[in-house]
Amino acid sequence: MATATLFLARQGHIQKEQGDYARLVSEAILLIAPLFGNDENDRLSHLGSGPAPGQPRPELTNLLQSQLRSAGSDLEVVVTQPAATAHPFVSIKLKSGWLALPVPERRRPEFLFALAGWFLLVALGTVCVALWFAHRITRHLAVLERVAATIDADGVVPRLPESGPAELRATARALNTMTARLKNAAESRMRLVAAAGHDLRTPMTRMRLRAEFLDDEEDRAMWLDDLQELDRIADSAIQLVREETQRERSQLLRVDQVITEICRDLASMKASVTIMKMEAVTISSAPLALTRAVRNLVINAATHGGGAFVTVGLENNSTALITIDDEGPGIPEQSMSRVFEPFFRVDPGRRKSGPGAGLGLAIAKEIVERHGGRLTLQNRSPKGLRQKIIFPACFAQ
């Protein structure tokens, strides 16, 4: 409404200015024309045979002609804009010729500056109101962002205070309810896995005793092998639960020393393990958990990949890099996204060809990520698999 009113006022202001300008010019014409129109002396030498050359100004011509008619004059005028001058000329038709007179250009109204200021104020006001409403809408989303940043390695969100505006209280209440349900579901899952692994021990023990009394040695060996595999699965399931429920305090570790000890221990048990390079690197991790994770990966490479080749070094002066290479068949690309799933076995390259329950990679990934690291797998060329553990390196202060 305010803008429409401004335009209406602007239109009336322009029309008034145009009328005043035409009236002043027409009065000047009526005063000057008689001085030339009735005199036959040398003043006639100022008259031309036609209007002044230049670009016609029909709007100004019509305005002056209308003003002259209103004043009772029958003079004929033509307004042109010569190319060489900055102001127009009005040509008056007299009996003896055309009289060309310069006229001042109509002054640009200062109203344009007022109009520009008006639009600037409207734009600034609109932006301010939009920013205020956007802040009101998004400040609750900022709360969700801060909460997401505080989720720990267990996926648990700290309990939020249910205070503040109604929207914030509702958001905090919903997040607290979600956190409680997720925690209960995770604990229930862990209890189920632990109970299943523990309860399997009793029937497996009975089956092992019965298998020992079989007369056929071949059947007895097959039964004992299957029972041993079930026992490894139960132990791995219990170990996975233990990793997710127990907490070992992190401390500064010389990761090269820890891994050297692991490799020597496995080599003493006739595992194919080779240390390629060991640089002194310190990280923050739980020693027993890190040992368990790296041991699983090295055993994985030595058992399924024809040998483990271990390297420890510093990357980009800020990252501890543990690399475990092997020369096995690798992992099919279509199966790469599933290798960290519990009990998953790669088919056919790594089908059960040695001990293992399919939980080694899942346990290693759980440990590494819980302590701020990252575990990745990639195929090597032309063959083999590379397992990489990345931790932030720690330096003495």
Protein backbone atom coordinates (compact mmCIF):
# COMPACT_ATOMS: atom_id res chain seq x y z
CA MET A 1 0.00 0.00 0.00
CA ALA A 2 2.77 2.40 0.89
CA THR A 3 4.57 1.72 -2.39
CA ALA A 4 1.36 2.20 -4.40
CA THR A 5 0.71 5.51 -2.63
CA LEU A 6 4.26 6.58 -3.40
CA PHE A 7 3.81 5.85 -7.10
CA LEU A 8 0.55 7.79 -7.21
CA ALA A 9 2.19 10.75 -5.54
CA ARG A 10 5.12 10.45 -7.92
CA GLN A 11 2.81 10.50 -10.95
CA GLY A 12 1.04 13.64 -9.75
CA HIS A 13 4.38 15.29 -8.99
CA ILE A 14 5.68 14.56 -12.51
CA GLN A 15 2.56 15.92 -14.16
CA LYS A 16 2.78 19.12 -12.13
CA GLU A 17 6.45 19.58 -13.02
CA GLN A 18 5.74 19.06 -16.72
CA GLY A 19 2.91 21.60 -16.64
CA ASP A 20 5.04 24.23 -14.92
CA TYR A 21 7.89 23.70 -17.37
CA ALA A 22 5.63 24.00 -20.43
CA ARG A 23 3.94 27.10 -19.05
CA LEU A 24 7.24 28.91 -18.47
CA VAL A 25 8.58 28.06 -21.95
CA SER A 26 5.32 29.03 -23.64
CA GLU A 27 5.30 32.40 -21.84
CA ALA A 28 8.86 33.02 -23.08
CA ILE A 29 7.78 32.18 -26.64
CA LEU A 30 4.84 34.57 -26.45
CA LEU A 31 7.18 37.35 -25.32
CA ILE A 32 9.90 36.77 -27.92
CA ALA A 33 7.85 35.91 -31.02
CA PRO A 34 6.36 39.45 -31.49
CA LEU A 35 9.84 40.95 -31.61
CA PHE A 36 10.60 39.06 -34.83
CA GLY A 37 7.27 38.41 -36.35
CA ASN A 38 6.30 42.01 -37.33
CA ASP A 39 9.67 43.60 -38.10
CA GLU A 40 11.16 43.70 -41.60
CA ASN A 41 14.60 44.97 -40.60
CA ASP A 42 17.85 43.00 -40.19
CA ARG A 43 16.40 40.91 -37.44
CA LEU A 44 14.88 38.75 -40.18
CA SER A 45 18.34 37.48 -40.94
CA HIS A 46 18.02 35.34 -37.81
CA LEU A 47 15.12 33.40 -39.28
CA GLY A 48 15.58 30.07 -41.00
CA SER A 49 13.70 28.28 -43.73
CA GLY A 50 12.77 25.40 -41.44
CA PRO A 51 12.95 24.06 -37.88
CA ALA A 52 16.35 23.67 -36.25
CA PRO A 53 18.03 20.43 -37.32
CA GLY A 54 18.16 17.58 -34.82
CA GLN A 55 16.23 14.70 -33.33
CA PRO A 56 12.52 15.63 -32.95
CA ARG A 57 11.11 15.80 -29.42
CA PRO A 58 7.41 15.12 -30.09
CA GLU A 59 6.39 14.83 -26.42
CA LEU A 60 7.80 18.27 -25.62
CA THR A 61 6.44 19.70 -28.87
CA ASN A 62 2.90 18.55 -28.07
CA LEU A 63 3.18 19.86 -24.51
CA LEU A 64 4.25 23.38 -25.66
CA GLN A 65 1.72 23.45 -28.49
CA SER A 66 -1.06 22.57 -26.05
CA GLN A 67 0.09 25.27 -23.63
CA LEU A 68 0.15 27.90 -26.43
CA ARG A 69 -3.34 26.95 -27.51
CA SER A 70 -4.52 27.30 -23.93
CA ALA A 71 -3.03 30.81 -23.89
CA GLY A 72 -4.95 31.73 -27.08
CA SER A 73 -1.94 31.70 -29.44
CA ASP A 74 -1.95 30.07 -32.89
CA LEU A 75 1.85 29.86 -33.13
CA GLU A 76 3.29 26.62 -34.44
CA VAL A 77 6.34 25.26 -32.64
CA VAL A 78 8.66 22.27 -33.12
CA VAL A 79 11.15 21.05 -30.51
CA THR A 80 14.31 19.29 -31.70
CA GLN A 81 17.49 18.02 -30.06
CA PRO A 82 20.62 18.92 -32.09
CA ALA A 83 23.39 16.37 -31.87
CA ALA A 84 26.07 18.91 -30.97
CA THR A 85 24.27 20.54 -28.03
CA ALA A 86 23.15 19.32 -24.62
CA HIS A 87 19.88 21.27 -24.62
CA PRO A 88 16.93 21.24 -27.04
CA PHE A 89 15.86 23.98 -29.45
CA VAL A 90 12.32 25.22 -29.96
CA SER A 91 11.59 26.44 -33.53
CA ILE A 92 8.73 28.99 -33.87
CA LYS A 93 7.05 29.36 -37.27
CA LEU A 94 6.64 33.07 -38.13
CA LYS A 95 5.40 34.74 -41.30
CA SER A 96 8.91 35.27 -42.65
CA GLY A 97 10.51 31.96 -41.50
CA TRP A 98 11.42 29.84 -38.54
CA LEU A 99 12.93 31.28 -35.38
CA ALA A 100 15.11 28.77 -33.46
CA LEU A 101 15.68 29.43 -29.76
CA PRO A 102 17.57 27.31 -27.20
CA VAL A 103 15.55 26.29 -24.17
CA PRO A 104 16.87 24.82 -20.91
CA GLU A 105 16.39 21.10 -20.40
CA ARG A 106 13.78 20.23 -17.86
CA ARG A 107 15.60 19.69 -14.55
CA ARG A 108 15.70 16.14 -13.30
CA PRO A 109 13.52 15.95 -10.25
CA GLU A 110 15.12 15.03 -6.96
CA PHE A 111 12.21 12.72 -6.43
CA LEU A 112 14.19 9.92 -8.05
CA PHE A 113 16.63 9.97 -5.14
CA ALA A 114 13.72 9.77 -2.72
CA LEU A 115 12.32 6.83 -4.67
CA ALA A 116 15.68 5.02 -4.58
CA GLY A 117 15.92 5.63 -0.84
CA TRP A 118 12.41 4.29 -0.38
CA PHE A 119 13.21 1.05 -2.18
CA LEU A 120 16.44 0.71 -0.21
CA LEU A 121 14.58 1.04 3.09
CA VAL A 122 11.93 -1.45 1.98
CA ALA A 123 14.62 -3.96 0.96
CA LEU A 124 16.54 -3.56 4.22
CA GLY A 125 13.37 -3.92 6.25
CA THR A 126 12.36 -7.06 4.34
CA VAL A 127 15.79 -8.62 4.83
CA CYS A 128 15.79 -7.85 8.56
CA VAL A 129 12.34 -9.38 9.06
CA ALA A 130 13.31 -12.47 7.02
CA LEU A 131 16.51 -12.95 9.03
CA TRP A 132 14.61 -12.63 12.30
CA PHE A 133 12.05 -15.26 11.28
CA ALA A 134 14.80 -17.54 9.92
CA HIS A 135 16.63 -17.31 13.25
CA ARG A 136 13.45 -18.16 15.12
CA ILE A 137 12.89 -21.20 12.92
CA THR A 138 16.45 -22.53 12.75
CA ARG A 139 17.62 -22.03 16.34
CA HIS A 140 15.90 -25.27 17.35
CA LEU A 141 17.66 -27.05 14.49
CA ALA A 142 20.95 -25.75 15.89
CA VAL A 143 20.11 -27.57 19.13
CA LEU A 144 19.72 -30.82 17.18
CA GLU A 145 23.06 -30.20 15.46
CA ARG A 146 24.83 -29.70 18.80
CA VAL A 147 23.23 -32.85 20.19
CA ALA A 148 24.30 -34.89 17.15
CA ALA A 149 27.88 -33.72 17.68
CA THR A 150 27.87 -35.09 21.25
CA ILE A 151 26.88 -38.66 20.32
CA ASP A 152 29.55 -40.98 21.68
CA ALA A 153 30.97 -44.14 20.14
CA ASP A 154 28.07 -46.18 21.58
CA GLY A 155 25.51 -44.05 19.76
CA VAL A 156 24.18 -42.67 23.05
CA VAL A 157 23.06 -39.06 23.30
CA PRO A 158 23.60 -37.30 26.65
CA ARG A 159 20.34 -36.50 28.40
CA LEU A 160 19.13 -33.01 27.55
CA PRO A 161 17.51 -30.61 30.02
CA GLU A 162 13.81 -30.29 29.21
CA SER A 163 13.58 -26.53 29.71
CA GLY A 164 13.12 -23.39 27.66
CA PRO A 165 10.43 -22.64 25.02
CA ALA A 166 7.74 -25.20 24.26
CA GLU A 167 9.37 -26.26 20.99
CA LEU A 168 12.73 -26.80 22.68
CA ARG A 169 11.16 -28.78 25.54
CA ALA A 170 9.34 -31.01 23.06
CA THR A 171 12.53 -31.61 21.08
CA ALA A 172 14.55 -32.44 24.21
CA ARG A 173 11.81 -34.78 25.45
CA ALA A 174 11.70 -36.63 22.12
CA LEU A 175 15.50 -37.00 22.01
CA ASN A 176 15.65 -38.25 25.60
CA THR A 177 12.94 -40.82 24.87
CA MET A 178 14.74 -41.95 21.72
CA THR A 179 18.05 -42.26 23.59
CA ALA A 180 16.51 -44.37 26.34
CA ARG A 181 14.87 -46.72 23.84
CA LEU A 182 18.05 -47.09 21.80
CA LYS A 183 20.06 -47.84 24.92
CA ASN A 184 17.55 -50.45 26.08
CA ALA A 185 17.52 -52.06 22.62
CA ALA A 186 21.33 -52.21 22.47
CA GLU A 187 21.59 -53.67 25.97
CA SER A 188 18.89 -56.22 25.16
CA ARG A 189 20.74 -57.25 22.02
CA MET A 190 24.00 -57.65 23.93
CA ARG A 191 22.30 -59.71 26.65
CA LEU A 192 20.74 -61.93 23.99
CA VAL A 193 24.05 -62.58 22.22
CA ALA A 194 25.90 -63.17 25.49
CA ALA A 195 23.20 -65.53 26.75
CA ALA A 196 23.15 -67.46 23.48
CA GLY A 197 26.94 -67.83 23.47
CA HIS A 198 26.95 -68.94 27.10
CA ASP A 199 24.02 -71.34 26.80
CA LEU A 200 25.60 -73.05 23.79
CA ARG A 201 28.43 -74.29 25.99
CA THR A 202 26.34 -76.88 27.86
CA PRO A 203 24.91 -78.79 24.86
CA MET A 204 28.26 -78.54 23.08
CA THR A 205 30.00 -80.13 26.05
CA ARG A 206 27.49 -83.01 26.03
CA MET A 207 27.94 -83.46 22.29
CA ARG A 208 31.74 -83.47 22.67
CA LEU A 209 31.52 -86.21 25.32
CA ARG A 210 29.29 -88.32 23.09
CA ALA A 211 31.55 -87.79 20.09
CA GLU A 212 34.52 -89.05 22.07
CA PHE A 213 32.82 -92.47 22.38
CA LEU A 214 32.17 -92.92 18.66
CA ASP A 215 33.84 -96.01 17.26
CA ASP A 216 34.44 -94.62 13.78
CA GLU A 217 37.53 -92.42 13.97
CA GLU A 218 36.59 -90.49 10.84
CA ASP A 219 33.12 -89.64 12.17
CA ARG A 220 34.60 -88.74 15.54
CA ALA A 221 37.10 -86.35 13.95
CA MET A 222 34.36 -84.67 11.87
CA TRP A 223 32.14 -84.25 14.95
CA LEU A 224 34.98 -82.78 17.00
CA ASP A 225 35.92 -80.36 14.20
CA ASP A 226 32.33 -79.10 13.97
CA LEU A 227 32.10 -78.73 17.74
CA GLN A 228 35.38 -76.84 17.79
CA GLU A 229 33.98 -74.45 15.15
CA LEU A 230 30.84 -73.90 17.24
CA ASP A 231 33.03 -73.23 20.26
CA ARG A 232 34.96 -70.55 18.33
CA ILE A 233 31.71 -68.93 17.24
CA ALA A 234 30.43 -68.81 20.82
CA ASP A 235 33.74 -67.39 22.07
CA SER A 236 33.76 -64.72 19.33
CA ALA A 237 30.17 -63.71 20.11
CA ILE A 238 30.98 -63.35 23.80
CA GLN A 239 34.13 -61.38 22.92
CA LEU A 240 32.13 -59.01 20.71
CA VAL A 241 29.68 -58.38 23.55
CA ARG A 242 32.59 -57.79 25.91
CA GLU A 243 34.08 -55.19 23.56
CA GLU A 244 30.81 -53.27 23.42
CA THR A 245 30.07 -53.38 27.13
CA GLN A 246 33.44 -53.13 28.85
CA ARG A 247 35.46 -49.96 28.87
CA GLU A 248 39.25 -49.91 28.99
CA ARG A 249 40.88 -46.56 29.70
CA SER A 250 42.93 -45.09 26.85
CA GLN A 251 46.55 -44.16 27.34
CA LEU A 252 49.53 -43.07 25.26
CA LEU A 253 51.03 -46.07 23.45
CA ARG A 254 54.03 -46.59 21.22
CA VAL A 255 52.03 -48.38 18.55
CA ASP A 256 55.17 -49.66 16.81
CA GLN A 257 56.24 -51.48 19.98
CA VAL A 258 52.78 -52.99 20.52
CA ILE A 259 52.55 -54.29 16.96
CA THR A 260 56.13 -55.59 16.95
CA GLU A 261 55.27 -57.69 20.01
CA ILE A 262 52.12 -59.00 18.30
CA CYS A 263 54.02 -59.99 15.17
CA ARG A 264 56.77 -61.75 17.13
CA ASP A 265 54.21 -63.65 19.17
CA LEU A 266 52.33 -64.86 16.08
CA ALA A 267 55.57 -65.71 14.28
CA SER A 268 56.57 -67.89 17.25
CA MET A 269 53.33 -69.83 16.64
CA LYS A 270 54.44 -70.52 13.06
CA ALA A 271 52.17 -67.84 11.52
CA SER A 272 53.44 -66.25 8.30
CA VAL A 273 54.07 -62.70 9.54
CA THR A 274 56.71 -60.29 8.19
CA ILE A 275 57.57 -56.85 9.59
CA MET A 276 58.28 -54.52 6.66
CA LYS A 277 58.89 -51.19 8.45
CA MET A 278 58.39 -49.87 11.97
CA GLU A 279 58.54 -46.14 12.72
CA ALA A 280 58.22 -44.75 16.23
CA VAL A 281 54.63 -43.49 16.46
CA THR A 282 52.56 -42.68 19.56
CA ILE A 283 48.75 -42.85 19.71
CA SER A 284 46.07 -42.74 22.39
CA SER A 285 44.30 -46.08 22.78
CA ALA A 286 43.55 -48.91 25.18
CA PRO A 287 46.48 -51.36 25.01
CA LEU A 288 44.56 -54.64 25.36
CA ALA A 289 41.82 -53.57 22.96
CA LEU A 290 44.33 -52.39 20.35
CA THR A 291 46.28 -55.65 20.69
CA ARG A 292 43.10 -57.65 20.16
CA ALA A 293 42.12 -55.65 17.06
CA VAL A 294 45.53 -55.77 15.36
CA ARG A 295 45.96 -59.44 16.25
CA ASN A 296 42.66 -60.28 14.54
CA LEU A 297 43.70 -58.43 11.38
CA VAL A 298 47.18 -59.96 11.23
CA ILE A 299 45.76 -63.46 11.78
CA ASN A 300 43.20 -62.74 9.07
CA ALA A 301 45.97 -61.86 6.57
CA ALA A 302 48.25 -64.72 7.62
CA THR A 303 45.48 -67.34 7.51
CA HIS A 304 43.49 -66.30 4.43
CA GLY A 305 46.01 -64.21 2.49
CA GLY A 306 49.09 -66.41 2.40
CA GLY A 307 51.06 -64.20 4.79
CA ALA A 308 50.89 -60.84 6.59
CA PHE A 309 53.26 -57.97 5.76
CA VAL A 310 53.03 -55.29 8.47
CA THR A 311 54.09 -51.62 8.24
CA VAL A 312 53.80 -48.85 10.84
CA GLY A 313 54.57 -45.24 9.97
CA LEU A 314 53.64 -41.56 10.21
CA GLU A 315 51.56 -40.06 7.40
CA ASN A 316 51.33 -36.30 6.72
CA ASN A 317 53.15 -35.69 10.04
CA SER A 318 49.85 -36.06 11.91
CA THR A 319 48.45 -39.54 11.30
CA ALA A 320 49.58 -42.94 12.53
CA LEU A 321 49.16 -45.46 9.72
CA ILE A 322 49.17 -49.25 10.33
CA THR A 323 49.17 -51.26 7.10
CA ILE A 324 48.68 -55.04 6.89
CA ASP A 325 49.11 -56.43 3.36
CA ASP A 326 48.67 -59.98 2.14
CA GLU A 327 48.97 -61.84 -1.17
CA GLY A 328 45.67 -63.69 -1.11
CA PRO A 329 42.73 -63.57 -3.54
CA GLY A 330 41.42 -60.29 -2.13
CA ILE A 331 37.74 -59.51 -1.70
CA PRO A 332 35.21 -59.24 -4.55
CA GLU A 333 34.10 -55.63 -5.00
CA GLN A 334 30.43 -56.58 -4.61
CA SER A 335 31.22 -58.01 -1.15
CA MET A 336 33.44 -55.14 0.07
CA SER A 337 30.54 -53.27 1.70
CA ARG A 338 29.63 -56.30 3.85
CA VAL A 339 33.00 -57.45 5.15
CA PHE A 340 32.47 -55.84 8.57
CA GLU A 341 29.13 -57.57 9.16
CA PRO A 342 29.24 -60.16 11.98
CA PHE A 343 29.60 -63.78 10.80
CA PHE A 344 30.03 -62.69 7.18
CA ARG A 345 32.32 -64.88 5.06
CA VAL A 346 33.56 -63.92 1.62
CA ASP A 347 32.58 -66.38 -1.07
CA PRO A 348 34.39 -68.07 -2.74
CA GLY A 349 37.92 -66.67 -2.26
CA ARG A 350 37.79 -66.80 1.53
CA ARG A 351 35.32 -69.56 2.16
CA LYS A 352 36.04 -71.39 5.38
CA SER A 353 39.55 -72.57 4.73
CA GLY A 354 40.87 -72.14 8.27
CA PRO A 355 39.82 -71.29 11.80
CA GLY A 356 37.54 -68.36 12.42
CA ALA A 357 33.93 -67.47 13.13
CA GLY A 358 33.57 -64.48 10.84
CA LEU A 359 33.72 -61.96 13.68
CA GLY A 360 37.39 -60.89 13.53
CA LEU A 361 36.83 -57.87 11.26
CA ALA A 362 33.67 -56.83 13.12
CA ILE A 363 35.49 -56.88 16.46
CA ALA A 364 38.52 -55.04 15.05
CA LYS A 365 36.32 -52.31 13.54
CA GLU A 366 34.41 -51.91 16.81
CA ILE A 367 37.66 -51.47 18.76
CA VAL A 368 39.35 -49.12 16.30
CA GLU A 369 36.38 -46.78 15.91
CA ARG A 370 35.68 -46.77 19.65
CA HIS A 371 39.16 -45.35 20.24
CA GLY A 372 38.97 -42.66 17.55
CA GLY A 373 40.52 -44.55 14.64
CA ARG A 374 39.37 -45.77 11.25
CA LEU A 375 39.68 -49.20 9.61
CA THR A 376 39.53 -49.58 5.81
CA LEU A 377 40.05 -52.44 3.37
CA GLN A 378 41.05 -52.28 -0.27
CA ASN A 379 42.21 -54.75 -2.89
CA ARG A 380 45.78 -54.57 -4.10
CA SER A 381 46.97 -54.94 -7.66
CA PRO A 382 47.43 -57.51 -9.11
CA LYS A 383 46.32 -59.51 -6.06
CA GLY A 384 46.10 -59.30 -2.31
CA LEU A 385 44.27 -57.24 0.28
CA ARG A 386 45.40 -54.15 2.23
CA GLN A 387 44.02 -53.51 5.72
CA LYS A 388 44.69 -49.99 6.98
CA ILE A 389 44.24 -48.66 10.51
CA ILE A 390 44.45 -44.87 10.88
CA PHE A 391 44.79 -43.11 14.23
CA PRO A 392 45.56 -39.48 15.09
CA ALA A 393 49.19 -39.35 16.14
CA CYS A 394 50.14 -37.92 19.53
CA PHE A 395 53.22 -35.80 20.14
CA ALA A 396 55.01 -34.81 23.32
CA GLN A 397 54.02 -31.36 24.59
